[in-house]
Amino acid sequence: MTGVLHLASRAYIARPWRNGGGITHDIVTVPAGAGEDDFWWRASIATIAAAGPFSFWPQVDRAFLLLRRELLLTIGDSGEQRISPGARAIRFAGEAAVAARPVEGPCTVFNLMARRGRSRIAVDCWTTARPSTAAQCLLLAEQPTTVRVHGDAIALAQQDALLLTGGIPAGLTFDRPLIAVEIFV
């Protein structure tokens, strides 16, 4: 049977970025209680309020989705690209030189990290549940959403998440699109 854990945004833990340039709010870290050097994967929501570099994360693959406002992003020598909410996830190595600059005020991003050789993540927007072979699946609500799982209705507030372990349960439904992160180990 699938395990279901409701992660309420009001309980997310705030902590400073590794480079001291801002604050992130941890949604989940796996394994629970892992630190910066021994997590397998983690998800957080961060605010990018000013221009600056991303933290350096060797041996970590990263992805993020812009949730609010527009952002100018530079990865390595690729040149600056403009990112808007609704764009596909941006993926990059934690060792890469990455810098961001908000266009008109602070931006909110959904940040994902997976320790290379330990976990791999896939990110997409789901309008309906899909079968998956992932060990875990994190569903993030961008707006208030009702999720039905195992016959129960779970009300998710904006930026609440559900962590599903042991597969996608039959009959999983939701009334608004969700950001889905599949975690493969």
Protein backbone atom coordinates (compact mmCIF):
# COMPACT_ATOMS: atom_id res chain seq x y z
CA MET A 1 0.00 0.00 0.00
CA THR A 2 1.15 3.51 -0.77
CA GLY A 3 2.24 5.67 2.14
CA VAL A 4 0.90 9.23 2.08
CA LEU A 5 2.42 12.12 4.04
CA HIS A 6 0.81 15.59 3.93
CA LEU A 7 3.50 18.27 4.16
CA ALA A 8 1.85 21.55 5.20
CA SER A 9 3.60 24.71 3.97
CA ARG A 10 3.08 26.41 7.34
CA ALA A 11 5.42 23.78 8.87
CA TYR A 12 8.27 24.12 6.35
CA ILE A 13 11.57 24.87 8.03
CA ALA A 14 13.38 28.07 6.98
CA ARG A 15 17.16 28.03 6.71
CA PRO A 16 19.84 30.14 5.03
CA TRP A 17 21.24 29.26 1.64
CA ARG A 18 24.60 27.55 1.67
CA ASN A 19 26.18 30.73 0.20
CA GLY A 20 24.34 33.04 2.63
CA GLY A 21 22.52 34.85 -0.20
CA GLY A 22 18.95 34.10 0.88
CA ILE A 23 16.52 31.81 2.68
CA THR A 24 14.90 28.56 1.61
CA HIS A 25 12.00 26.68 3.18
CA ASP A 26 12.57 22.93 3.30
CA ILE A 27 9.60 20.85 2.21
CA VAL A 28 11.28 17.47 2.68
CA THR A 29 14.76 16.01 3.03
CA VAL A 30 15.41 12.29 2.50
CA PRO A 31 16.49 10.54 4.57
CA ALA A 32 14.81 12.49 7.35
CA GLY A 33 17.31 14.39 9.46
CA ALA A 34 20.05 14.29 6.80
CA GLY A 35 22.37 17.27 6.57
CA GLU A 36 23.83 19.16 3.61
CA ASP A 37 26.42 16.49 2.90
CA ASP A 38 24.41 13.29 3.25
CA PHE A 39 20.87 13.85 1.91
CA TRP A 40 19.75 11.60 -0.96
CA TRP A 41 17.28 14.16 -2.29
CA ARG A 42 15.49 17.23 -1.04
CA ALA A 43 12.88 19.78 -2.08
CA SER A 44 12.40 23.36 -0.96
CA ILE A 45 10.77 26.65 -1.88
CA ALA A 46 13.07 29.65 -2.03
CA THR A 47 12.73 33.33 -2.68
CA ILE A 48 15.27 34.99 -4.96
CA ALA A 49 15.12 38.63 -3.94
CA ALA A 50 18.32 39.99 -5.47
CA ALA A 51 20.81 39.19 -8.21
CA GLY A 52 23.51 36.72 -7.27
CA PRO A 53 25.09 33.29 -7.69
CA PHE A 54 23.54 29.96 -6.76
CA SER A 55 25.21 27.90 -4.05
CA PHE A 56 27.87 25.38 -5.10
CA TRP A 57 26.68 21.77 -4.65
CA PRO A 58 29.25 19.21 -5.88
CA GLN A 59 27.87 15.77 -6.84
CA VAL A 60 24.28 17.06 -6.72
CA ASP A 61 21.95 17.33 -9.70
CA ARG A 62 19.55 20.27 -9.44
CA ALA A 63 16.27 21.31 -10.98
CA PHE A 64 13.95 24.17 -10.29
CA LEU A 65 10.67 25.61 -11.44
CA LEU A 66 9.81 29.26 -11.28
CA LEU A 67 6.54 29.69 -9.37
CA ARG A 68 6.19 33.49 -9.20
CA ARG A 69 7.49 36.45 -11.25
CA GLU A 70 10.16 36.39 -13.96
CA LEU A 71 13.84 35.60 -13.60
CA LEU A 72 16.95 36.05 -15.73
CA LEU A 73 19.17 32.97 -15.40
CA THR A 74 22.72 32.25 -16.53
CA ILE A 75 24.15 28.72 -16.43
CA GLY A 76 27.88 28.51 -17.24
CA ASP A 77 28.67 30.25 -20.54
CA SER A 78 25.18 29.74 -21.98
CA GLY A 79 24.17 33.38 -21.79
CA GLU A 80 21.29 34.87 -19.91
CA GLN A 81 17.83 33.36 -20.45
CA ARG A 82 14.50 34.76 -19.30
CA ILE A 83 12.35 32.30 -17.31
CA SER A 84 8.62 32.74 -16.67
CA PRO A 85 6.20 30.79 -14.48
CA GLY A 86 4.86 27.76 -16.35
CA ALA A 87 8.19 27.08 -18.08
CA ARG A 88 9.61 23.55 -17.92
CA ALA A 89 11.99 22.68 -15.10
CA ILE A 90 15.52 24.02 -15.48
CA ARG A 91 18.12 21.30 -14.81
CA PHE A 92 21.82 21.79 -14.05
CA ALA A 93 24.74 20.27 -12.15
CA GLY A 94 25.33 21.60 -8.64
CA GLU A 95 28.95 22.32 -9.65
CA ALA A 96 27.88 24.64 -12.47
CA ALA A 97 28.31 28.39 -12.22
CA VAL A 98 24.71 29.61 -12.06
CA ALA A 99 23.48 33.14 -11.41
CA ALA A 100 20.00 34.62 -11.28
CA ARG A 101 18.50 38.08 -11.41
CA PRO A 102 14.83 38.84 -10.66
CA VAL A 103 13.16 40.93 -13.38
CA GLU A 104 10.58 42.84 -11.30
CA GLY A 105 10.79 42.01 -7.64
CA PRO A 106 11.41 38.83 -5.64
CA CYS A 107 10.80 35.49 -7.39
CA THR A 108 9.61 32.26 -5.81
CA VAL A 109 11.17 28.99 -7.01
CA PHE A 110 10.59 25.30 -6.32
CA ASN A 111 14.08 23.89 -5.82
CA LEU A 112 15.01 20.20 -6.14
CA MET A 113 18.31 18.46 -5.42
CA ALA A 114 19.33 14.83 -5.92
CA ARG A 115 22.63 13.34 -4.80
CA ARG A 116 24.29 11.88 -7.89
CA GLY A 117 24.57 8.08 -7.65
CA ARG A 118 21.93 7.96 -4.91
CA SER A 119 18.77 9.45 -6.44
CA ARG A 120 17.44 10.76 -9.73
CA ILE A 121 14.46 13.08 -10.16
CA ALA A 122 11.98 13.81 -12.93
CA VAL A 123 9.77 16.91 -12.74
CA ASP A 124 6.55 17.65 -14.63
CA CYS A 125 3.13 19.23 -14.24
CA TRP A 126 0.34 16.64 -13.92
CA THR A 127 -3.28 17.39 -14.75
CA THR A 128 -4.15 13.74 -13.96
CA ALA A 129 -2.33 10.99 -12.10
CA ARG A 130 0.04 8.79 -14.12
CA PRO A 131 1.54 5.39 -13.47
CA SER A 132 5.13 5.57 -12.22
CA THR A 133 7.94 3.25 -11.22
CA ALA A 134 9.41 5.92 -8.93
CA ALA A 135 10.23 4.95 -5.33
CA GLN A 136 8.62 8.19 -4.14
CA CYS A 137 6.54 10.96 -5.67
CA LEU A 138 6.21 14.49 -4.30
CA LEU A 139 3.11 16.42 -5.40
CA LEU A 140 3.20 20.21 -4.89
CA ALA A 141 0.08 22.39 -5.05
CA GLU A 142 0.56 25.78 -6.71
CA GLN A 143 -2.97 26.71 -5.62
CA PRO A 144 -5.49 25.21 -3.17
CA THR A 145 -6.27 21.70 -4.38
CA THR A 146 -8.18 18.65 -3.18
CA VAL A 147 -6.43 15.33 -3.67
CA ARG A 148 -8.30 12.06 -3.29
CA VAL A 149 -6.23 9.05 -2.29
CA HIS A 150 -7.30 5.74 -0.72
CA GLY A 151 -10.87 7.10 -0.58
CA ASP A 152 -9.87 10.11 1.53
CA ALA A 153 -9.99 13.78 0.46
CA ILE A 154 -6.91 15.77 1.42
CA ALA A 155 -7.15 19.56 1.16
CA LEU A 156 -3.84 21.09 0.10
CA ALA A 157 -3.26 24.79 0.64
CA GLN A 158 -1.06 26.75 -1.78
CA GLN A 159 2.49 25.28 -1.63
CA ASP A 160 1.43 22.27 0.47
CA ALA A 161 2.78 18.94 -0.74
CA LEU A 162 2.03 15.22 -0.54
CA LEU A 163 4.81 12.65 -0.39
CA LEU A 164 3.75 9.29 -1.81
CA THR A 165 5.94 6.29 -1.04
CA GLY A 166 5.46 2.86 -2.58
CA GLY A 167 3.90 3.84 -5.89
CA ILE A 168 1.07 5.91 -7.29
CA PRO A 169 -2.14 4.55 -5.76
CA ALA A 170 -4.99 3.47 -8.02
CA GLY A 171 -7.74 6.06 -8.02
CA LEU A 172 -5.47 9.03 -7.20
CA THR A 173 -7.27 12.18 -8.39
CA PHE A 174 -6.92 15.93 -7.90
CA ASP A 175 -9.03 18.89 -8.95
CA ARG A 176 -6.21 21.22 -10.11
CA PRO A 177 -2.85 20.59 -11.80
CA LEU A 178 0.02 19.63 -9.47
CA ILE A 179 3.78 19.77 -9.86
CA ALA A 180 4.93 16.15 -9.69
CA VAL A 181 8.45 15.11 -8.75
CA GLU A 182 9.25 11.44 -9.30
CA ILE A 183 12.22 10.19 -7.27
CA PHE A 184 14.11 7.13 -8.52
CA VAL A 185 16.68 5.41 -6.30
